[in-house]
Amino acid sequence: MTYWSYHLIFTLPLVAALFAWNWPRLRRAHWVCMGIVCLVAFIFTTPWDNYAVWLGVWGFGDDVSLGYPASSMAIGPENPQGLTWLGHIPFEEYSFFVIESILVCLLVVRFLPAPGSKAQ
């Protein structure tokens, strides 16, 4: 199974279901907060995830991803000035940061009091 097929089978249908379930509740503030949470998760997860893969803590199999978008920043014959630890995670892993953040945000929205209701 490829990493992208994992998202297509397991995570993205759940995101779609949660969006459909929460659609009447979503307000502009929710969208803004989701964007901020995704940005924070992306910024803070990218360095340590790349570093962990670079150290060999875990890895990604051959031919299971769409590619490594930050690989041009890694040190190599073509780019000797790059960052050694950056460029070791595939596109789908970056997607995972955002997808999981959205899943958590949508679950939080679901369990918050509905707009206009009295909080207990």
N, C-alpha and C. Protein backbone atom coordinates (compact mmCIF):
# COMPACT_ATOMS: atom_id res chain seq x y z
N MET A 1 0.84 -1.18 0.00
CA MET A 1 0.00 0.00 0.00
C MET A 1 0.89 1.24 0.00
N THR A 2 0.53 2.19 -0.83
CA THR A 2 1.29 3.44 -0.86
C THR A 2 0.77 4.35 0.25
N TYR A 3 1.59 5.31 0.59
CA TYR A 3 1.21 6.27 1.63
C TYR A 3 -0.01 7.07 1.19
N TRP A 4 -0.07 7.45 -0.08
CA TRP A 4 -1.21 8.22 -0.56
C TRP A 4 -2.48 7.38 -0.54
N SER A 5 -2.40 6.09 -0.87
CA SER A 5 -3.59 5.24 -0.81
C SER A 5 -4.07 5.09 0.63
N TYR A 6 -3.14 5.11 1.58
CA TYR A 6 -3.52 5.11 3.00
C TYR A 6 -4.40 6.32 3.29
N HIS A 7 -3.97 7.50 2.83
CA HIS A 7 -4.78 8.70 3.06
C HIS A 7 -6.14 8.58 2.37
N LEU A 8 -6.13 8.08 1.14
CA LEU A 8 -7.39 7.97 0.39
C LEU A 8 -8.37 6.99 1.03
N ILE A 9 -7.85 5.95 1.68
CA ILE A 9 -8.71 4.93 2.28
C ILE A 9 -9.10 5.29 3.72
N PHE A 10 -8.16 5.79 4.51
CA PHE A 10 -8.39 5.93 5.94
C PHE A 10 -8.60 7.36 6.44
N THR A 11 -7.75 8.29 6.07
CA THR A 11 -7.84 9.61 6.70
C THR A 11 -8.76 10.58 5.96
N LEU A 12 -8.67 10.64 4.65
CA LEU A 12 -9.49 11.62 3.91
C LEU A 12 -10.99 11.34 3.97
N PRO A 13 -11.44 10.08 3.93
CA PRO A 13 -12.88 9.86 4.12
C PRO A 13 -13.37 10.30 5.50
N LEU A 14 -12.53 10.13 6.50
CA LEU A 14 -12.90 10.58 7.84
C LEU A 14 -12.98 12.11 7.90
N VAL A 15 -12.04 12.79 7.26
CA VAL A 15 -12.10 14.26 7.18
C VAL A 15 -13.39 14.68 6.48
N ALA A 16 -13.71 14.05 5.37
CA ALA A 16 -14.93 14.39 4.63
C ALA A 16 -16.18 14.17 5.49
N ALA A 17 -16.22 13.06 6.21
CA ALA A 17 -17.37 12.76 7.07
C ALA A 17 -17.49 13.79 8.19
N LEU A 18 -16.37 14.15 8.80
CA LEU A 18 -16.41 15.14 9.87
C LEU A 18 -16.79 16.53 9.35
N PHE A 19 -16.32 16.88 8.16
CA PHE A 19 -16.74 18.15 7.57
C PHE A 19 -18.25 18.14 7.33
N ALA A 20 -18.77 17.06 6.78
CA ALA A 20 -20.21 16.97 6.53
C ALA A 20 -21.00 17.04 7.84
N TRP A 21 -20.52 16.37 8.86
CA TRP A 21 -21.19 16.33 10.16
C TRP A 21 -21.17 17.70 10.83
N ASN A 22 -20.08 18.43 10.66
CA ASN A 22 -19.89 19.71 11.32
C ASN A 22 -20.29 20.92 10.48
N TRP A 23 -20.63 20.73 9.23
CA TRP A 23 -20.83 21.86 8.33
C TRP A 23 -21.77 22.93 8.89
N PRO A 24 -22.92 22.56 9.45
CA PRO A 24 -23.80 23.61 9.97
C PRO A 24 -23.20 24.39 11.15
N ARG A 25 -22.26 23.81 11.86
CA ARG A 25 -21.66 24.45 13.03
C ARG A 25 -20.45 25.33 12.69
N LEU A 26 -19.83 25.08 11.57
CA LEU A 26 -18.57 25.78 11.27
C LEU A 26 -18.79 27.26 11.01
N ARG A 27 -18.00 28.05 11.70
CA ARG A 27 -18.03 29.50 11.55
C ARG A 27 -16.66 29.98 11.11
N ARG A 28 -16.59 31.24 10.75
CA ARG A 28 -15.31 31.81 10.31
C ARG A 28 -14.20 31.59 11.36
N ALA A 29 -14.52 31.74 12.62
CA ALA A 29 -13.53 31.55 13.69
C ALA A 29 -12.98 30.13 13.68
N HIS A 30 -13.83 29.16 13.39
CA HIS A 30 -13.35 27.77 13.32
C HIS A 30 -12.34 27.60 12.19
N TRP A 31 -12.65 28.18 11.04
CA TRP A 31 -11.74 28.07 9.88
C TRP A 31 -10.40 28.73 10.18
N VAL A 32 -10.46 29.90 10.82
CA VAL A 32 -9.22 30.60 11.17
C VAL A 32 -8.40 29.77 12.15
N CYS A 33 -9.07 29.25 13.17
CA CYS A 33 -8.36 28.42 14.16
C CYS A 33 -7.78 27.16 13.53
N MET A 34 -8.53 26.53 12.62
CA MET A 34 -8.00 25.34 11.93
C MET A 34 -6.75 25.69 11.14
N GLY A 35 -6.79 26.82 10.47
CA GLY A 35 -5.62 27.26 9.71
C GLY A 35 -4.41 27.49 10.60
N ILE A 36 -4.64 28.13 11.75
CA ILE A 36 -3.55 28.39 12.69
C ILE A 36 -2.99 27.08 13.25
N VAL A 37 -3.87 26.17 13.64
CA VAL A 37 -3.42 24.88 14.18
C VAL A 37 -2.63 24.11 13.12
N CYS A 38 -3.11 24.10 11.89
CA CYS A 38 -2.38 23.41 10.81
C CYS A 38 -1.01 24.03 10.59
N LEU A 39 -0.94 25.34 10.59
CA LEU A 39 0.33 26.04 10.41
C LEU A 39 1.30 25.73 11.54
N VAL A 40 0.83 25.79 12.77
CA VAL A 40 1.68 25.49 13.92
C VAL A 40 2.17 24.04 13.88
N ALA A 41 1.24 23.11 13.59
CA ALA A 41 1.63 21.70 13.52
C ALA A 41 2.66 21.48 12.41
N PHE A 42 2.45 22.11 11.27
CA PHE A 42 3.36 21.96 10.15
C PHE A 42 4.75 22.51 10.48
N ILE A 43 4.79 23.71 11.05
CA ILE A 43 6.06 24.35 11.37
C ILE A 43 6.83 23.59 12.43
N PHE A 44 6.15 23.13 13.46
CA PHE A 44 6.85 22.46 14.55
C PHE A 44 7.14 20.99 14.28
N THR A 45 6.36 20.35 13.43
CA THR A 45 6.56 18.93 13.17
C THR A 45 7.59 18.67 12.08
N THR A 46 7.67 19.56 11.10
CA THR A 46 8.58 19.36 9.98
C THR A 46 10.04 19.14 10.40
N PRO A 47 10.63 20.00 11.23
CA PRO A 47 12.04 19.79 11.56
C PRO A 47 12.32 18.49 12.32
N TRP A 48 11.53 18.20 13.36
CA TRP A 48 11.87 17.02 14.13
C TRP A 48 11.53 15.73 13.39
N ASP A 49 10.51 15.75 12.55
CA ASP A 49 10.19 14.56 11.75
C ASP A 49 11.29 14.27 10.74
N ASN A 50 11.75 15.31 10.05
CA ASN A 50 12.87 15.14 9.11
C ASN A 50 14.12 14.67 9.85
N TYR A 51 14.38 15.26 11.00
CA TYR A 51 15.56 14.91 11.78
C TYR A 51 15.49 13.46 12.25
N ALA A 52 14.32 13.02 12.71
CA ALA A 52 14.17 11.64 13.16
C ALA A 52 14.40 10.64 12.03
N VAL A 53 13.90 10.95 10.84
CA VAL A 53 14.14 10.07 9.69
C VAL A 53 15.61 10.10 9.31
N TRP A 54 16.21 11.27 9.35
CA TRP A 54 17.63 11.40 9.03
C TRP A 54 18.49 10.58 10.00
N LEU A 55 18.08 10.55 11.29
CA LEU A 55 18.81 9.75 12.29
C LEU A 55 18.55 8.26 12.15
N GLY A 56 17.51 7.89 11.42
CA GLY A 56 17.19 6.48 11.24
C GLY A 56 16.20 5.95 12.27
N VAL A 57 15.53 6.83 13.00
CA VAL A 57 14.53 6.41 13.98
C VAL A 57 13.39 5.67 13.27
N TRP A 58 12.97 6.17 12.14
CA TRP A 58 12.04 5.48 11.27
C TRP A 58 12.26 5.95 9.85
N GLY A 59 11.54 5.35 8.92
CA GLY A 59 11.74 5.72 7.53
C GLY A 59 10.52 5.38 6.70
N PHE A 60 10.65 5.60 5.43
CA PHE A 60 9.58 5.35 4.49
C PHE A 60 10.12 4.40 3.42
N GLY A 61 9.32 3.42 3.06
CA GLY A 61 9.77 2.43 2.09
C GLY A 61 9.97 3.00 0.70
N ASP A 62 10.64 2.23 -0.12
CA ASP A 62 10.85 2.62 -1.51
C ASP A 62 9.55 2.53 -2.29
N ASP A 63 9.34 3.44 -3.19
CA ASP A 63 8.19 3.44 -4.11
C ASP A 63 6.84 3.45 -3.40
N VAL A 64 6.77 4.09 -2.23
CA VAL A 64 5.48 4.18 -1.54
C VAL A 64 4.96 5.61 -1.47
N SER A 65 5.72 6.57 -2.01
CA SER A 65 5.29 7.96 -1.89
C SER A 65 5.35 8.68 -3.23
N LEU A 66 4.78 9.87 -3.23
CA LEU A 66 4.78 10.70 -4.43
C LEU A 66 6.09 11.44 -4.64
N GLY A 67 6.87 11.55 -3.58
CA GLY A 67 8.14 12.24 -3.70
C GLY A 67 8.50 13.01 -2.45
N TYR A 68 9.67 13.60 -2.48
CA TYR A 68 10.23 14.31 -1.35
C TYR A 68 10.42 15.78 -1.74
N PRO A 69 9.42 16.63 -1.42
CA PRO A 69 9.45 18.01 -1.91
C PRO A 69 10.60 18.85 -1.38
N ALA A 70 11.14 18.54 -0.21
CA ALA A 70 12.22 19.34 0.36
C ALA A 70 13.59 18.73 0.08
N SER A 71 13.65 17.70 -0.75
CA SER A 71 14.92 17.01 -0.98
C SER A 71 15.95 17.91 -1.65
N SER A 72 15.52 18.94 -2.36
CA SER A 72 16.48 19.85 -2.99
C SER A 72 17.22 20.68 -1.96
N MET A 73 16.69 20.71 -0.72
CA MET A 73 17.36 21.46 0.34
C MET A 73 18.37 20.59 1.09
N ALA A 74 18.35 19.29 0.86
CA ALA A 74 19.27 18.40 1.56
C ALA A 74 20.64 18.46 0.90
N ILE A 75 21.65 18.22 1.71
CA ILE A 75 23.02 18.23 1.17
C ILE A 75 23.21 17.05 0.25
N GLY A 76 23.80 17.29 -0.87
CA GLY A 76 24.09 16.25 -1.84
C GLY A 76 25.00 16.80 -2.90
N PRO A 77 25.37 15.99 -3.87
CA PRO A 77 26.26 16.45 -4.92
C PRO A 77 25.71 17.66 -5.68
N GLU A 78 24.37 17.70 -5.85
CA GLU A 78 23.76 18.80 -6.59
C GLU A 78 23.59 20.04 -5.72
N ASN A 79 23.57 19.89 -4.42
CA ASN A 79 23.28 21.01 -3.52
C ASN A 79 24.15 20.91 -2.27
N PRO A 80 25.42 21.25 -2.35
CA PRO A 80 26.31 21.09 -1.21
C PRO A 80 26.05 22.06 -0.06
N GLN A 81 25.26 23.10 -0.28
CA GLN A 81 24.98 24.08 0.78
C GLN A 81 23.67 23.83 1.51
N GLY A 82 22.98 22.74 1.21
CA GLY A 82 21.67 22.46 1.80
C GLY A 82 21.75 22.06 3.26
N LEU A 83 20.61 21.76 3.82
CA LEU A 83 20.52 21.32 5.21
C LEU A 83 20.55 19.79 5.24
N THR A 84 21.44 19.22 6.00
CA THR A 84 21.64 17.78 6.03
C THR A 84 20.38 17.02 6.41
N TRP A 85 19.67 17.49 7.41
CA TRP A 85 18.55 16.73 7.96
C TRP A 85 17.22 17.02 7.27
N LEU A 86 17.16 18.01 6.39
CA LEU A 86 15.90 18.36 5.75
C LEU A 86 15.75 17.64 4.42
N GLY A 87 14.54 17.26 4.09
CA GLY A 87 14.27 16.62 2.81
C GLY A 87 14.15 15.11 2.89
N HIS A 88 13.89 14.59 4.09
CA HIS A 88 13.83 13.14 4.26
C HIS A 88 12.43 12.59 4.42
N ILE A 89 11.42 13.46 4.39
CA ILE A 89 10.05 12.96 4.50
C ILE A 89 9.28 13.27 3.22
N PRO A 90 8.38 12.37 2.84
CA PRO A 90 7.66 12.53 1.57
C PRO A 90 6.48 13.50 1.71
N PHE A 91 5.95 13.86 0.56
CA PHE A 91 4.80 14.75 0.46
C PHE A 91 3.65 14.27 1.34
N GLU A 92 3.40 12.98 1.36
CA GLU A 92 2.27 12.44 2.12
C GLU A 92 2.43 12.65 3.62
N GLU A 93 3.67 12.68 4.10
CA GLU A 93 3.90 12.93 5.52
C GLU A 93 3.55 14.38 5.86
N TYR A 94 3.93 15.30 4.98
CA TYR A 94 3.53 16.70 5.18
C TYR A 94 2.00 16.79 5.16
N SER A 95 1.37 16.07 4.27
CA SER A 95 -0.09 16.04 4.20
C SER A 95 -0.67 15.49 5.50
N PHE A 96 -0.01 14.50 6.05
CA PHE A 96 -0.46 13.89 7.30
C PHE A 96 -0.52 14.92 8.42
N PHE A 97 0.47 15.81 8.49
CA PHE A 97 0.47 16.86 9.52
C PHE A 97 -0.81 17.68 9.44
N VAL A 98 -1.18 18.05 8.23
CA VAL A 98 -2.35 18.90 8.02
C VAL A 98 -3.64 18.11 8.22
N ILE A 99 -3.71 16.90 7.67
CA ILE A 99 -4.92 16.08 7.77
C ILE A 99 -5.23 15.78 9.23
N GLU A 100 -4.24 15.37 9.99
CA GLU A 100 -4.47 15.03 11.40
C GLU A 100 -4.86 16.26 12.20
N SER A 101 -4.27 17.40 11.89
CA SER A 101 -4.65 18.64 12.58
C SER A 101 -6.11 18.98 12.30
N ILE A 102 -6.53 18.83 11.06
CA ILE A 102 -7.92 19.11 10.71
C ILE A 102 -8.86 18.13 11.40
N LEU A 103 -8.48 16.86 11.46
CA LEU A 103 -9.31 15.86 12.15
C LEU A 103 -9.53 16.25 13.61
N VAL A 104 -8.45 16.62 14.28
CA VAL A 104 -8.56 17.01 15.69
C VAL A 104 -9.43 18.26 15.84
N CYS A 105 -9.21 19.24 14.99
CA CYS A 105 -10.01 20.47 15.05
C CYS A 105 -11.49 20.19 14.83
N LEU A 106 -11.81 19.33 13.88
CA LEU A 106 -13.21 19.02 13.61
C LEU A 106 -13.85 18.25 14.77
N LEU A 107 -13.08 17.41 15.43
CA LEU A 107 -13.61 16.72 16.61
C LEU A 107 -13.85 17.71 17.74
N VAL A 108 -12.96 18.65 17.90
CA VAL A 108 -13.15 19.68 18.93
C VAL A 108 -14.40 20.50 18.62
N VAL A 109 -14.57 20.90 17.38
CA VAL A 109 -15.77 21.66 16.99
C VAL A 109 -17.02 20.86 17.30
N ARG A 110 -17.00 19.58 17.03
CA ARG A 110 -18.17 18.73 17.26
C ARG A 110 -18.55 18.72 18.73
N PHE A 111 -17.59 18.73 19.62
CA PHE A 111 -17.89 18.60 21.04
C PHE A 111 -17.95 19.93 21.78
N LEU A 112 -17.73 21.03 21.09
CA LEU A 112 -17.97 22.35 21.68
C LEU A 112 -19.47 22.61 21.69
N PRO A 113 -19.90 23.47 22.58
CA PRO A 113 -21.33 23.82 22.53
C PRO A 113 -21.69 24.44 21.17
N ALA A 114 -22.88 24.15 20.69
CA ALA A 114 -23.33 24.71 19.42
C ALA A 114 -23.42 26.22 19.52
N PRO A 115 -23.14 26.95 18.42
CA PRO A 115 -23.27 28.41 18.44
C PRO A 115 -24.70 28.82 18.85
N GLY A 116 -24.79 29.74 19.76
CA GLY A 116 -26.11 30.22 20.20
C GLY A 116 -26.70 29.45 21.35
N SER A 117 -26.10 28.31 21.72
CA SER A 117 -26.65 27.54 22.83
C SER A 117 -26.00 28.01 24.13
N LYS A 118 -26.64 27.72 25.24
CA LYS A 118 -26.10 28.09 26.54
C LYS A 118 -25.08 27.03 26.97
N ALA A 119 -23.85 27.47 27.23
CA ALA A 119 -22.82 26.53 27.69
C ALA A 119 -23.13 26.13 29.13
N GLN A 120 -22.89 24.87 29.42
CA GLN A 120 -23.17 24.37 30.77
C GLN A 120 -21.95 24.39 31.62
